[in-house]
């Protein structure tokens, strides 16, 4: 499990005044990729997201957020990861990601 802190900036707000869903999606993409990156053997391995499915559970406002990622399966090339964003102790967005380990 990996826990990361995010800051929802005022500049991330949509016309309704909430953090835009695209910004939450970007945070979840970063969170899930970081979970896989923690398992890599640099400098020869890297990670790319090949699928990210995001569900929005409630509006997020500017301010601190916590991201929690869990590695569901770590294969040789493909990794399945779950990610959750929380704010004030409440779940705000959920993601299921498939990441690929790339070797260079």
N, C-alpha and C. Protein backbone atom coordinates (compact mmCIF):
# COMPACT_ATOMS: atom_id res chain seq x y z
N UNK A 1 0.85 -1.18 0.00
CA UNK A 1 0.00 0.00 0.00
C UNK A 1 0.90 1.24 0.00
N UNK A 2 0.44 2.27 -0.68
CA UNK A 2 1.16 3.52 -0.80
C UNK A 2 0.20 4.65 -0.46
N UNK A 3 0.64 5.60 0.37
CA UNK A 3 -0.17 6.77 0.72
C UNK A 3 0.59 8.02 0.30
N UNK A 4 -0.11 8.92 -0.40
CA UNK A 4 0.48 10.14 -0.94
C UNK A 4 -0.43 11.32 -0.62
N UNK A 5 0.16 12.47 -0.36
CA UNK A 5 -0.61 13.69 -0.13
C UNK A 5 -0.67 14.52 -1.41
N UNK A 6 -1.85 15.06 -1.69
CA UNK A 6 -2.05 15.96 -2.83
C UNK A 6 -2.65 17.26 -2.33
N UNK A 7 -2.47 18.31 -3.10
CA UNK A 7 -3.06 19.60 -2.77
C UNK A 7 -3.93 20.05 -3.95
N UNK A 8 -5.22 20.15 -3.73
CA UNK A 8 -6.13 20.65 -4.75
C UNK A 8 -6.07 22.17 -4.77
N UNK A 9 -5.44 22.74 -5.78
CA UNK A 9 -5.27 24.19 -5.87
C UNK A 9 -6.54 24.88 -6.36
N UNK A 10 -6.69 26.14 -6.01
CA UNK A 10 -7.83 26.93 -6.49
C UNK A 10 -7.88 26.96 -8.01
N UNK A 11 -6.71 26.92 -8.66
CA UNK A 11 -6.65 26.97 -10.12
C UNK A 11 -7.19 25.68 -10.76
N UNK A 12 -7.41 24.63 -9.95
CA UNK A 12 -7.96 23.37 -10.46
C UNK A 12 -9.49 23.39 -10.51
N UNK A 13 -10.10 24.48 -10.07
CA UNK A 13 -11.57 24.52 -9.93
C UNK A 13 -12.27 24.58 -11.29
N UNK A 14 -13.40 23.89 -11.36
CA UNK A 14 -14.27 23.96 -12.53
C UNK A 14 -15.26 25.10 -12.31
N UNK A 15 -16.16 25.38 -13.26
CA UNK A 15 -17.11 26.48 -13.09
C UNK A 15 -18.01 26.35 -11.85
N UNK A 16 -18.21 25.15 -11.35
CA UNK A 16 -19.03 24.96 -10.15
C UNK A 16 -18.24 25.22 -8.87
N UNK A 17 -16.92 25.45 -9.00
CA UNK A 17 -16.11 25.73 -7.83
C UNK A 17 -15.46 24.51 -7.20
N UNK A 18 -15.67 23.34 -7.77
CA UNK A 18 -15.07 22.11 -7.26
C UNK A 18 -13.81 21.78 -8.07
N UNK A 19 -12.98 20.91 -7.51
CA UNK A 19 -11.79 20.48 -8.25
C UNK A 19 -12.26 19.71 -9.49
N UNK A 20 -11.77 20.08 -10.64
CA UNK A 20 -12.19 19.46 -11.91
C UNK A 20 -11.85 17.98 -11.92
N UNK A 21 -12.75 17.20 -12.50
CA UNK A 21 -12.57 15.75 -12.57
C UNK A 21 -11.30 15.35 -13.29
N UNK A 22 -10.90 16.12 -14.29
CA UNK A 22 -9.65 15.82 -15.00
C UNK A 22 -8.44 15.93 -14.10
N UNK A 23 -8.48 16.87 -13.17
CA UNK A 23 -7.37 17.02 -12.22
C UNK A 23 -7.36 15.84 -11.24
N UNK A 24 -8.53 15.42 -10.80
CA UNK A 24 -8.60 14.24 -9.91
C UNK A 24 -8.09 13.00 -10.64
N UNK A 25 -8.46 12.89 -11.93
CA UNK A 25 -7.98 11.77 -12.73
C UNK A 25 -6.46 11.79 -12.86
N UNK A 26 -5.88 12.98 -13.04
CA UNK A 26 -4.43 13.10 -13.14
C UNK A 26 -3.76 12.69 -11.82
N UNK A 27 -4.35 13.07 -10.70
CA UNK A 27 -3.82 12.68 -9.40
C UNK A 27 -3.86 11.15 -9.24
N UNK A 28 -4.96 10.54 -9.66
CA UNK A 28 -5.10 9.09 -9.56
C UNK A 28 -4.13 8.38 -10.50
N UNK A 29 -3.90 8.94 -11.66
CA UNK A 29 -2.92 8.36 -12.59
C UNK A 29 -1.53 8.40 -11.96
N UNK A 30 -1.18 9.52 -11.38
CA UNK A 30 0.11 9.66 -10.71
C UNK A 30 0.22 8.67 -9.55
N UNK A 31 -0.81 8.58 -8.76
CA UNK A 31 -0.83 7.71 -7.59
C UNK A 31 -0.63 6.24 -7.97
N UNK A 32 -1.39 5.77 -8.95
CA UNK A 32 -1.31 4.36 -9.32
C UNK A 32 0.03 4.04 -9.98
N UNK A 33 0.55 4.96 -10.79
CA UNK A 33 1.86 4.74 -11.42
C UNK A 33 2.97 4.74 -10.37
N UNK A 34 2.85 5.59 -9.36
CA UNK A 34 3.85 5.61 -8.28
C UNK A 34 3.86 4.29 -7.51
N UNK A 35 2.68 3.68 -7.36
CA UNK A 35 2.61 2.39 -6.67
C UNK A 35 3.44 1.37 -7.42
N UNK A 36 3.30 1.35 -8.75
CA UNK A 36 4.07 0.40 -9.57
C UNK A 36 5.55 0.79 -9.56
N UNK A 37 5.84 2.08 -9.64
CA UNK A 37 7.23 2.55 -9.66
C UNK A 37 7.99 2.09 -8.42
N UNK A 38 7.29 1.95 -7.31
CA UNK A 38 7.94 1.50 -6.08
C UNK A 38 8.43 0.06 -6.18
N UNK A 39 7.97 -0.68 -7.19
CA UNK A 39 8.37 -2.08 -7.35
C UNK A 39 9.43 -2.27 -8.43
N UNK A 40 9.83 -1.19 -9.09
CA UNK A 40 10.73 -1.28 -10.25
C UNK A 40 12.20 -1.37 -9.84
N UNK A 41 13.00 -1.77 -10.81
CA UNK A 41 14.45 -1.80 -10.65
C UNK A 41 15.07 -0.78 -11.60
N UNK A 42 15.16 0.49 -11.15
CA UNK A 42 15.74 1.51 -12.02
C UNK A 42 17.23 1.26 -12.22
N UNK A 43 17.85 1.76 -13.24
CA UNK A 43 17.29 2.66 -14.24
C UNK A 43 16.73 1.94 -15.46
N UNK A 44 16.75 0.61 -15.44
CA UNK A 44 16.33 -0.14 -16.62
C UNK A 44 14.82 -0.29 -16.76
N UNK A 45 14.05 -0.03 -15.70
CA UNK A 45 12.60 -0.22 -15.76
C UNK A 45 11.88 1.09 -15.51
N UNK A 46 10.78 1.26 -16.22
CA UNK A 46 9.90 2.40 -16.05
C UNK A 46 8.46 1.93 -16.07
N UNK A 47 7.53 2.84 -15.95
CA UNK A 47 6.11 2.47 -15.92
C UNK A 47 5.31 3.43 -16.79
N UNK A 48 4.33 2.87 -17.51
CA UNK A 48 3.36 3.67 -18.27
C UNK A 48 1.97 3.14 -17.95
N UNK A 49 1.01 4.04 -17.91
CA UNK A 49 -0.38 3.65 -17.69
C UNK A 49 -1.00 3.29 -19.03
N UNK A 50 -1.61 2.10 -19.11
CA UNK A 50 -2.26 1.73 -20.37
C UNK A 50 -3.78 1.77 -20.26
N UNK A 51 -4.30 1.80 -19.03
CA UNK A 51 -5.74 1.91 -18.83
C UNK A 51 -5.99 2.53 -17.47
N UNK A 52 -6.91 3.51 -17.43
CA UNK A 52 -7.28 4.16 -16.17
C UNK A 52 -8.78 4.39 -16.19
N UNK A 53 -9.49 3.73 -15.30
CA UNK A 53 -10.94 3.87 -15.19
C UNK A 53 -11.23 4.60 -13.89
N UNK A 54 -11.81 5.80 -13.98
CA UNK A 54 -12.05 6.64 -12.82
C UNK A 54 -13.54 6.75 -12.55
N UNK A 55 -13.90 6.63 -11.27
CA UNK A 55 -15.28 6.86 -10.82
C UNK A 55 -15.25 8.00 -9.81
N UNK A 56 -16.13 8.97 -9.99
CA UNK A 56 -16.22 10.12 -9.09
C UNK A 56 -17.35 9.86 -8.09
N UNK A 57 -17.04 9.97 -6.83
CA UNK A 57 -17.99 9.61 -5.78
C UNK A 57 -18.66 10.82 -5.14
N UNK A 58 -17.92 11.91 -5.00
CA UNK A 58 -18.47 13.15 -4.44
C UNK A 58 -17.57 14.30 -4.87
N UNK A 59 -18.08 15.53 -4.82
CA UNK A 59 -17.26 16.67 -5.22
C UNK A 59 -16.07 16.86 -4.29
N UNK A 60 -14.96 17.33 -4.85
CA UNK A 60 -13.78 17.68 -4.08
C UNK A 60 -13.62 19.19 -4.12
N UNK A 61 -13.14 19.76 -3.03
CA UNK A 61 -12.91 21.20 -2.97
C UNK A 61 -11.40 21.45 -2.88
N UNK A 62 -11.01 22.67 -3.12
CA UNK A 62 -9.59 23.02 -2.99
C UNK A 62 -9.12 22.69 -1.59
N UNK A 63 -7.90 22.18 -1.52
CA UNK A 63 -7.34 21.84 -0.22
C UNK A 63 -6.66 20.48 -0.25
N UNK A 64 -6.23 20.02 0.92
CA UNK A 64 -5.50 18.76 0.98
C UNK A 64 -6.36 17.55 0.66
N UNK A 65 -5.72 16.57 0.03
CA UNK A 65 -6.33 15.28 -0.28
C UNK A 65 -5.31 14.20 0.00
N UNK A 66 -5.80 13.01 0.27
CA UNK A 66 -4.92 11.87 0.49
C UNK A 66 -5.22 10.82 -0.58
N UNK A 67 -4.17 10.29 -1.16
CA UNK A 67 -4.31 9.20 -2.13
C UNK A 67 -3.77 7.92 -1.53
N UNK A 68 -4.53 6.84 -1.70
CA UNK A 68 -4.12 5.53 -1.20
C UNK A 68 -4.18 4.56 -2.37
N UNK A 69 -3.06 3.89 -2.64
CA UNK A 69 -2.99 2.93 -3.75
C UNK A 69 -2.65 1.55 -3.21
N UNK A 70 -3.23 0.55 -3.86
CA UNK A 70 -2.97 -0.84 -3.52
C UNK A 70 -2.59 -1.59 -4.78
N UNK A 71 -1.50 -2.32 -4.73
CA UNK A 71 -1.08 -3.15 -5.85
C UNK A 71 -1.85 -4.47 -5.77
N UNK A 72 -2.75 -4.67 -6.72
CA UNK A 72 -3.59 -5.87 -6.73
C UNK A 72 -2.81 -7.05 -7.30
N UNK A 73 -2.09 -6.81 -8.40
CA UNK A 73 -1.32 -7.87 -9.05
C UNK A 73 -0.12 -7.26 -9.74
N UNK A 74 1.04 -7.84 -9.49
CA UNK A 74 2.27 -7.38 -10.15
C UNK A 74 2.78 -8.51 -11.02
N UNK A 75 2.52 -8.40 -12.31
CA UNK A 75 3.03 -9.38 -13.26
C UNK A 75 4.38 -8.94 -13.78
N UNK A 76 4.93 -9.71 -14.69
CA UNK A 76 6.22 -9.37 -15.27
C UNK A 76 6.15 -8.08 -16.07
N UNK A 77 5.04 -7.90 -16.79
CA UNK A 77 4.86 -6.68 -17.58
C UNK A 77 3.64 -5.87 -17.16
N UNK A 78 2.55 -6.53 -16.80
CA UNK A 78 1.32 -5.80 -16.47
C UNK A 78 1.06 -5.82 -14.98
N UNK A 79 0.60 -4.66 -14.49
CA UNK A 79 0.30 -4.50 -13.06
C UNK A 79 -1.11 -3.94 -12.93
N UNK A 80 -1.87 -4.48 -12.01
CA UNK A 80 -3.22 -4.00 -11.73
C UNK A 80 -3.18 -3.27 -10.38
N UNK A 81 -3.71 -2.04 -10.39
CA UNK A 81 -3.60 -1.19 -9.21
C UNK A 81 -4.95 -0.52 -8.95
N UNK A 82 -5.33 -0.42 -7.67
CA UNK A 82 -6.50 0.35 -7.26
C UNK A 82 -6.01 1.62 -6.58
N UNK A 83 -6.71 2.73 -6.82
CA UNK A 83 -6.36 3.99 -6.18
C UNK A 83 -7.60 4.70 -5.67
N UNK A 84 -7.47 5.36 -4.52
CA UNK A 84 -8.58 6.10 -3.93
C UNK A 84 -8.09 7.47 -3.49
N UNK A 85 -8.87 8.50 -3.80
CA UNK A 85 -8.61 9.84 -3.28
C UNK A 85 -9.61 10.12 -2.17
N UNK A 86 -9.10 10.69 -1.09
CA UNK A 86 -9.96 11.01 0.05
C UNK A 86 -9.73 12.45 0.47
N UNK A 87 -10.80 13.05 0.98
CA UNK A 87 -10.71 14.41 1.49
C UNK A 87 -11.58 14.50 2.74
N UNK A 88 -11.03 15.02 3.80
CA UNK A 88 -11.75 15.11 5.08
C UNK A 88 -12.34 13.77 5.50
N UNK A 89 -11.57 12.70 5.26
CA UNK A 89 -12.01 11.37 5.68
C UNK A 89 -13.08 10.73 4.81
N UNK A 90 -13.41 11.36 3.69
CA UNK A 90 -14.45 10.83 2.80
C UNK A 90 -13.84 10.48 1.45
N UNK A 91 -14.29 9.37 0.87
CA UNK A 91 -13.84 8.96 -0.46
C UNK A 91 -14.41 9.91 -1.51
N UNK A 92 -13.55 10.42 -2.40
CA UNK A 92 -14.04 11.34 -3.43
C UNK A 92 -13.90 10.78 -4.85
N UNK A 93 -12.90 9.94 -5.08
CA UNK A 93 -12.74 9.37 -6.42
C UNK A 93 -11.96 8.06 -6.30
N UNK A 94 -12.29 7.14 -7.19
CA UNK A 94 -11.73 5.79 -7.19
C UNK A 94 -11.20 5.50 -8.59
N UNK A 95 -10.10 4.77 -8.68
CA UNK A 95 -9.58 4.40 -9.99
C UNK A 95 -9.08 2.97 -9.98
N UNK A 96 -9.24 2.34 -11.13
CA UNK A 96 -8.66 1.02 -11.39
C UNK A 96 -7.72 1.24 -12.58
N UNK A 97 -6.45 0.89 -12.39
CA UNK A 97 -5.46 1.14 -13.42
C UNK A 97 -4.76 -0.15 -13.82
N UNK A 98 -4.38 -0.19 -15.09
CA UNK A 98 -3.48 -1.23 -15.58
C UNK A 98 -2.24 -0.49 -16.07
N UNK A 99 -1.11 -0.84 -15.50
CA UNK A 99 0.15 -0.21 -15.85
C UNK A 99 1.08 -1.25 -16.47
N UNK A 100 1.93 -0.77 -17.35
CA UNK A 100 2.89 -1.66 -18.00
C UNK A 100 4.30 -1.29 -17.56
N UNK A 101 5.06 -2.31 -17.20
CA UNK A 101 6.47 -2.13 -16.91
C UNK A 101 7.22 -2.13 -18.23
N UNK A 102 7.97 -1.07 -18.47
CA UNK A 102 8.75 -0.96 -19.70
C UNK A 102 10.23 -1.06 -19.36
N UNK A 103 10.95 -1.73 -20.21
CA UNK A 103 12.38 -1.89 -20.00
C UNK A 103 13.13 -1.19 -21.12
N UNK A 104 14.14 -0.45 -20.75
CA UNK A 104 14.80 0.34 -21.76
C UNK A 104 16.22 0.07 -21.89
